[in-house]
Amino acid sequence: MRGRRRQAELIDDVAVRLAPLETGDADEMLRSLRLFPVLAGYRGAPGADLRAVADVLQRLAAMAAAHSEIREVDANPVLAHPDGAVILDLRVRIAPAVRRPWAPSVQESTC
């Protein structure tokens, strides 16, 4: 999978945003790609399920926003086809969690 990641970077066709994604950010990310016409269905070829791809992006962003220890998420490649989308390779870079003064630690929990 690393070869595919390098290919996307080689052709400089990547989209990056900070989490959380606002309404429309995922669609904007997809439309910003030079290969978007291929995703949309170029020359009569079936297009990818763009809603499914946007859903994957929004869920990843929500996960990153919900966990302060997540510093970076790299989903590459995402296989998009007419019936959905799936992440084939996912890299998550984490760091120590930022302690929020209002959030109890695991040791302080009463559960």
N, C-alpha and C. Protein backbone atom coordinates (compact mmCIF):
# COMPACT_ATOMS: atom_id res chain seq x y z
N MET A 1 0.81 -1.20 0.00
CA MET A 1 0.00 0.00 0.00
C MET A 1 0.85 1.26 0.00
N ARG A 2 2.06 1.18 0.49
CA ARG A 2 2.90 2.37 0.53
C ARG A 2 3.18 2.91 -0.87
N GLY A 3 3.26 2.05 -1.86
CA GLY A 3 3.48 2.50 -3.23
C GLY A 3 2.35 3.39 -3.71
N ARG A 4 1.13 3.05 -3.36
CA ARG A 4 -0.02 3.86 -3.75
C ARG A 4 0.01 5.22 -3.07
N ARG A 5 0.40 5.25 -1.81
CA ARG A 5 0.49 6.53 -1.09
C ARG A 5 1.49 7.41 -1.80
N ARG A 6 2.61 6.85 -2.17
CA ARG A 6 3.63 7.64 -2.86
C ARG A 6 3.12 8.12 -4.21
N GLN A 7 2.33 7.30 -4.90
CA GLN A 7 1.79 7.72 -6.19
C GLN A 7 0.89 8.93 -6.05
N ALA A 8 0.02 8.95 -5.04
CA ALA A 8 -0.87 10.10 -4.83
C ALA A 8 -0.05 11.35 -4.54
N GLU A 9 0.98 11.20 -3.74
CA GLU A 9 1.83 12.34 -3.44
C GLU A 9 2.66 12.74 -4.65
N LEU A 10 3.08 11.76 -5.45
CA LEU A 10 3.87 12.04 -6.63
C LEU A 10 3.11 12.90 -7.63
N ILE A 11 1.84 12.60 -7.82
CA ILE A 11 1.06 13.40 -8.76
C ILE A 11 0.42 14.60 -8.07
N ASP A 12 0.74 14.80 -6.79
CA ASP A 12 0.27 15.93 -6.00
C ASP A 12 -1.25 16.07 -6.10
N ASP A 13 -1.94 14.96 -5.85
CA ASP A 13 -3.40 14.96 -5.90
C ASP A 13 -3.92 14.47 -4.56
N VAL A 14 -3.72 15.30 -3.55
CA VAL A 14 -4.16 14.99 -2.19
C VAL A 14 -5.01 16.15 -1.68
N ALA A 15 -5.85 15.85 -0.71
CA ALA A 15 -6.68 16.87 -0.07
C ALA A 15 -6.49 16.74 1.43
N VAL A 16 -6.24 17.87 2.10
CA VAL A 16 -5.97 17.88 3.54
C VAL A 16 -6.87 18.91 4.19
N ARG A 17 -7.46 18.55 5.31
CA ARG A 17 -8.28 19.47 6.10
C ARG A 17 -8.06 19.18 7.58
N LEU A 18 -8.36 20.16 8.40
CA LEU A 18 -8.33 19.98 9.85
C LEU A 18 -9.69 19.47 10.31
N ALA A 19 -9.66 18.61 11.31
CA ALA A 19 -10.91 18.08 11.88
C ALA A 19 -11.43 19.06 12.90
N PRO A 20 -12.70 19.12 13.10
CA PRO A 20 -13.76 18.37 12.42
C PRO A 20 -14.10 19.02 11.07
N LEU A 21 -14.67 18.23 10.20
CA LEU A 21 -15.10 18.75 8.90
C LEU A 21 -16.43 19.44 9.05
N GLU A 22 -16.54 20.61 8.47
CA GLU A 22 -17.81 21.33 8.43
C GLU A 22 -18.65 20.77 7.29
N THR A 23 -19.93 21.08 7.28
CA THR A 23 -20.83 20.64 6.22
C THR A 23 -20.26 21.08 4.88
N GLY A 24 -20.13 20.15 3.97
CA GLY A 24 -19.63 20.46 2.64
C GLY A 24 -18.14 20.30 2.47
N ASP A 25 -17.37 20.20 3.57
CA ASP A 25 -15.91 20.07 3.46
C ASP A 25 -15.50 18.80 2.72
N ALA A 26 -16.16 17.68 3.02
CA ALA A 26 -15.80 16.42 2.37
C ALA A 26 -16.05 16.51 0.87
N ASP A 27 -17.19 17.08 0.49
CA ASP A 27 -17.48 17.25 -0.94
C ASP A 27 -16.45 18.16 -1.60
N GLU A 28 -16.09 19.23 -0.91
CA GLU A 28 -15.09 20.16 -1.43
C GLU A 28 -13.74 19.47 -1.60
N MET A 29 -13.38 18.62 -0.63
CA MET A 29 -12.12 17.88 -0.72
C MET A 29 -12.11 17.01 -1.96
N LEU A 30 -13.21 16.29 -2.20
CA LEU A 30 -13.29 15.41 -3.36
C LEU A 30 -13.21 16.21 -4.66
N ARG A 31 -13.97 17.29 -4.73
CA ARG A 31 -13.99 18.10 -5.95
C ARG A 31 -12.67 18.80 -6.22
N SER A 32 -11.82 18.95 -5.19
CA SER A 32 -10.53 19.60 -5.38
C SER A 32 -9.50 18.69 -6.04
N LEU A 33 -9.78 17.40 -6.07
CA LEU A 33 -8.84 16.45 -6.65
C LEU A 33 -8.84 16.56 -8.17
N ARG A 34 -7.66 16.50 -8.75
CA ARG A 34 -7.57 16.53 -10.22
C ARG A 34 -8.24 15.30 -10.83
N LEU A 35 -8.26 14.20 -10.10
CA LEU A 35 -8.88 12.98 -10.60
C LEU A 35 -10.37 12.91 -10.28
N PHE A 36 -10.97 14.01 -9.82
CA PHE A 36 -12.39 14.00 -9.51
C PHE A 36 -13.25 13.56 -10.70
N PRO A 37 -12.95 13.99 -11.95
CA PRO A 37 -13.77 13.52 -13.07
C PRO A 37 -13.82 12.00 -13.19
N VAL A 38 -12.75 11.33 -12.82
CA VAL A 38 -12.73 9.86 -12.84
C VAL A 38 -13.67 9.33 -11.77
N LEU A 39 -13.64 9.94 -10.58
CA LEU A 39 -14.54 9.53 -9.50
C LEU A 39 -16.00 9.75 -9.89
N ALA A 40 -16.27 10.84 -10.58
CA ALA A 40 -17.64 11.19 -10.94
C ALA A 40 -18.18 10.36 -12.10
N GLY A 41 -17.31 9.67 -12.81
CA GLY A 41 -17.74 8.85 -13.94
C GLY A 41 -17.37 9.49 -15.25
N TYR A 42 -16.17 9.27 -15.67
CA TYR A 42 -15.60 9.89 -16.87
C TYR A 42 -15.91 9.08 -18.11
N ARG A 43 -16.40 9.75 -19.16
CA ARG A 43 -16.66 9.13 -20.47
C ARG A 43 -17.53 7.89 -20.38
N GLY A 44 -18.58 7.99 -19.62
CA GLY A 44 -19.54 6.91 -19.55
C GLY A 44 -19.21 5.80 -18.56
N ALA A 45 -18.04 5.87 -17.95
CA ALA A 45 -17.68 4.87 -16.94
C ALA A 45 -18.53 5.13 -15.69
N PRO A 46 -18.85 4.07 -14.96
CA PRO A 46 -19.64 4.29 -13.74
C PRO A 46 -18.84 5.11 -12.73
N GLY A 47 -19.50 6.04 -12.11
CA GLY A 47 -18.85 6.87 -11.09
C GLY A 47 -18.82 6.17 -9.75
N ALA A 48 -17.98 6.69 -8.89
CA ALA A 48 -17.90 6.18 -7.52
C ALA A 48 -19.07 6.71 -6.72
N ASP A 49 -19.38 6.02 -5.64
CA ASP A 49 -20.40 6.46 -4.70
C ASP A 49 -19.81 7.60 -3.88
N LEU A 50 -19.96 8.82 -4.37
CA LEU A 50 -19.34 9.99 -3.75
C LEU A 50 -19.87 10.24 -2.34
N ARG A 51 -21.14 9.91 -2.10
CA ARG A 51 -21.69 10.07 -0.75
C ARG A 51 -20.96 9.14 0.22
N ALA A 52 -20.65 7.92 -0.23
CA ALA A 52 -19.94 6.96 0.64
C ALA A 52 -18.52 7.45 0.93
N VAL A 53 -17.86 8.01 -0.07
CA VAL A 53 -16.51 8.53 0.14
C VAL A 53 -16.56 9.71 1.12
N ALA A 54 -17.51 10.62 0.92
CA ALA A 54 -17.66 11.75 1.83
C ALA A 54 -17.97 11.27 3.25
N ASP A 55 -18.77 10.23 3.38
CA ASP A 55 -19.10 9.66 4.69
C ASP A 55 -17.85 9.13 5.37
N VAL A 56 -16.99 8.45 4.62
CA VAL A 56 -15.73 7.94 5.18
C VAL A 56 -14.89 9.10 5.70
N LEU A 57 -14.78 10.16 4.91
CA LEU A 57 -13.99 11.32 5.32
C LEU A 57 -14.57 11.98 6.57
N GLN A 58 -15.88 12.13 6.62
CA GLN A 58 -16.53 12.76 7.77
C GLN A 58 -16.37 11.91 9.03
N ARG A 59 -16.45 10.60 8.89
CA ARG A 59 -16.29 9.73 10.06
C ARG A 59 -14.85 9.75 10.59
N LEU A 60 -13.88 9.77 9.68
CA LEU A 60 -12.49 9.87 10.11
C LEU A 60 -12.25 11.19 10.84
N ALA A 61 -12.78 12.27 10.30
CA ALA A 61 -12.62 13.58 10.92
C ALA A 61 -13.29 13.62 12.28
N ALA A 62 -14.46 13.02 12.40
CA ALA A 62 -15.16 12.98 13.69
C ALA A 62 -14.36 12.19 14.71
N MET A 63 -13.77 11.07 14.28
CA MET A 63 -12.93 10.28 15.17
C MET A 63 -11.74 11.10 15.65
N ALA A 64 -11.09 11.78 14.73
CA ALA A 64 -9.92 12.59 15.10
C ALA A 64 -10.31 13.73 16.04
N ALA A 65 -11.44 14.35 15.79
CA ALA A 65 -11.88 15.46 16.64
C ALA A 65 -12.27 14.99 18.03
N ALA A 66 -12.75 13.77 18.14
CA ALA A 66 -13.21 13.24 19.43
C ALA A 66 -12.08 12.73 20.31
N HIS A 67 -10.91 12.51 19.73
CA HIS A 67 -9.79 11.94 20.48
C HIS A 67 -8.58 12.87 20.37
N SER A 68 -8.31 13.58 21.44
CA SER A 68 -7.24 14.58 21.42
C SER A 68 -5.86 13.98 21.18
N GLU A 69 -5.70 12.70 21.41
CA GLU A 69 -4.41 12.07 21.18
C GLU A 69 -4.12 11.81 19.70
N ILE A 70 -5.12 11.90 18.85
CA ILE A 70 -4.90 11.71 17.41
C ILE A 70 -4.33 12.99 16.83
N ARG A 71 -3.16 12.88 16.25
CA ARG A 71 -2.48 14.04 15.66
C ARG A 71 -2.63 14.08 14.14
N GLU A 72 -2.74 12.92 13.53
CA GLU A 72 -2.79 12.87 12.07
C GLU A 72 -3.45 11.56 11.64
N VAL A 73 -4.27 11.64 10.59
CA VAL A 73 -4.89 10.46 10.00
C VAL A 73 -4.59 10.49 8.51
N ASP A 74 -4.08 9.39 8.00
CA ASP A 74 -3.77 9.28 6.58
C ASP A 74 -4.48 8.05 6.05
N ALA A 75 -5.52 8.26 5.26
CA ALA A 75 -6.28 7.16 4.65
C ALA A 75 -5.93 7.15 3.17
N ASN A 76 -5.07 6.23 2.80
CA ASN A 76 -4.61 6.23 1.42
C ASN A 76 -4.07 4.85 1.07
N PRO A 77 -4.72 4.17 0.18
CA PRO A 77 -5.82 4.63 -0.65
C PRO A 77 -7.19 4.33 -0.04
N VAL A 78 -8.15 5.08 -0.54
CA VAL A 78 -9.56 4.79 -0.29
C VAL A 78 -10.09 4.24 -1.61
N LEU A 79 -10.61 3.03 -1.59
CA LEU A 79 -11.16 2.42 -2.78
C LEU A 79 -12.61 2.87 -2.91
N ALA A 80 -12.88 3.62 -3.96
CA ALA A 80 -14.23 4.14 -4.20
C ALA A 80 -14.78 3.45 -5.44
N HIS A 81 -15.98 2.90 -5.30
CA HIS A 81 -16.62 2.22 -6.43
C HIS A 81 -18.10 2.59 -6.43
N PRO A 82 -18.86 2.18 -7.43
CA PRO A 82 -20.26 2.59 -7.51
C PRO A 82 -21.12 2.17 -6.32
N ASP A 83 -20.70 1.14 -5.59
CA ASP A 83 -21.51 0.62 -4.48
C ASP A 83 -20.97 0.96 -3.10
N GLY A 84 -20.05 1.89 -3.00
CA GLY A 84 -19.53 2.26 -1.69
C GLY A 84 -18.08 2.67 -1.72
N ALA A 85 -17.48 2.69 -0.55
CA ALA A 85 -16.07 3.07 -0.40
C ALA A 85 -15.49 2.36 0.80
N VAL A 86 -14.22 2.04 0.72
CA VAL A 86 -13.54 1.37 1.82
C VAL A 86 -12.10 1.86 1.87
N ILE A 87 -11.60 2.05 3.09
CA ILE A 87 -10.20 2.43 3.27
C ILE A 87 -9.35 1.18 3.19
N LEU A 88 -8.35 1.18 2.33
CA LEU A 88 -7.47 0.03 2.19
C LEU A 88 -6.23 0.14 3.07
N ASP A 89 -5.81 1.34 3.36
CA ASP A 89 -4.63 1.56 4.20
C ASP A 89 -4.88 2.79 5.05
N LEU A 90 -4.76 2.64 6.36
CA LEU A 90 -5.01 3.74 7.27
C LEU A 90 -3.85 3.87 8.24
N ARG A 91 -3.35 5.08 8.38
CA ARG A 91 -2.27 5.36 9.32
C ARG A 91 -2.77 6.44 10.27
N VAL A 92 -2.67 6.18 11.56
CA VAL A 92 -3.07 7.14 12.58
C VAL A 92 -1.86 7.43 13.45
N ARG A 93 -1.48 8.69 13.53
CA ARG A 93 -0.36 9.09 14.39
C ARG A 93 -0.96 9.66 15.67
N ILE A 94 -0.51 9.08 16.80
CA ILE A 94 -1.06 9.52 18.09
C ILE A 94 0.05 10.10 18.97
N ALA A 95 -0.37 10.88 19.91
CA ALA A 95 0.52 11.46 20.92
C ALA A 95 -0.18 11.33 22.25
N PRO A 96 0.51 11.60 23.34
CA PRO A 96 -0.16 11.53 24.64
C PRO A 96 -1.40 12.42 24.65
N ALA A 97 -2.44 11.93 25.28
CA ALA A 97 -3.69 12.68 25.35
C ALA A 97 -3.49 13.97 26.12
N VAL A 98 -4.17 14.99 25.68
CA VAL A 98 -4.16 16.27 26.37
C VAL A 98 -5.19 16.18 27.48
N ARG A 99 -4.77 16.38 28.70
CA ARG A 99 -5.68 16.30 29.85
C ARG A 99 -6.54 17.54 29.89
N ARG A 100 -7.83 17.35 29.80
CA ARG A 100 -8.77 18.45 29.90
C ARG A 100 -9.16 18.59 31.37
N PRO A 101 -9.12 19.80 31.91
CA PRO A 101 -9.41 19.97 33.34
C PRO A 101 -10.80 19.50 33.74
N TRP A 102 -11.74 19.49 32.84
CA TRP A 102 -13.11 19.11 33.18
C TRP A 102 -13.38 17.63 32.95
N ALA A 103 -12.42 16.89 32.36
CA ALA A 103 -12.64 15.48 32.05
C ALA A 103 -11.91 14.60 33.07
N PRO A 104 -12.60 13.65 33.70
CA PRO A 104 -11.93 12.77 34.66
C PRO A 104 -10.98 11.82 33.95
N SER A 105 -9.90 11.46 34.59
CA SER A 105 -9.00 10.47 34.02
C SER A 105 -9.61 9.09 34.23
N VAL A 106 -9.02 8.10 33.61
CA VAL A 106 -9.51 6.72 33.75
C VAL A 106 -9.43 6.31 35.22
N GLN A 107 -8.37 6.70 35.94
CA GLN A 107 -8.21 6.32 37.33
C GLN A 107 -9.29 6.98 38.20
N GLU A 108 -9.77 8.16 37.83
CA GLU A 108 -10.75 8.88 38.61
C GLU A 108 -12.17 8.42 38.33
N SER A 109 -12.35 7.64 37.30
CA SER A 109 -13.69 7.22 36.92
C SER A 109 -14.32 6.36 38.00
N THR A 110 -15.61 6.50 38.18
CA THR A 110 -16.33 5.72 39.19
C THR A 110 -17.06 4.53 38.59
N CYS A 111 -16.87 4.28 37.30
CA CYS A 111 -17.57 3.16 36.64
C CYS A 111 -17.05 1.83 37.13
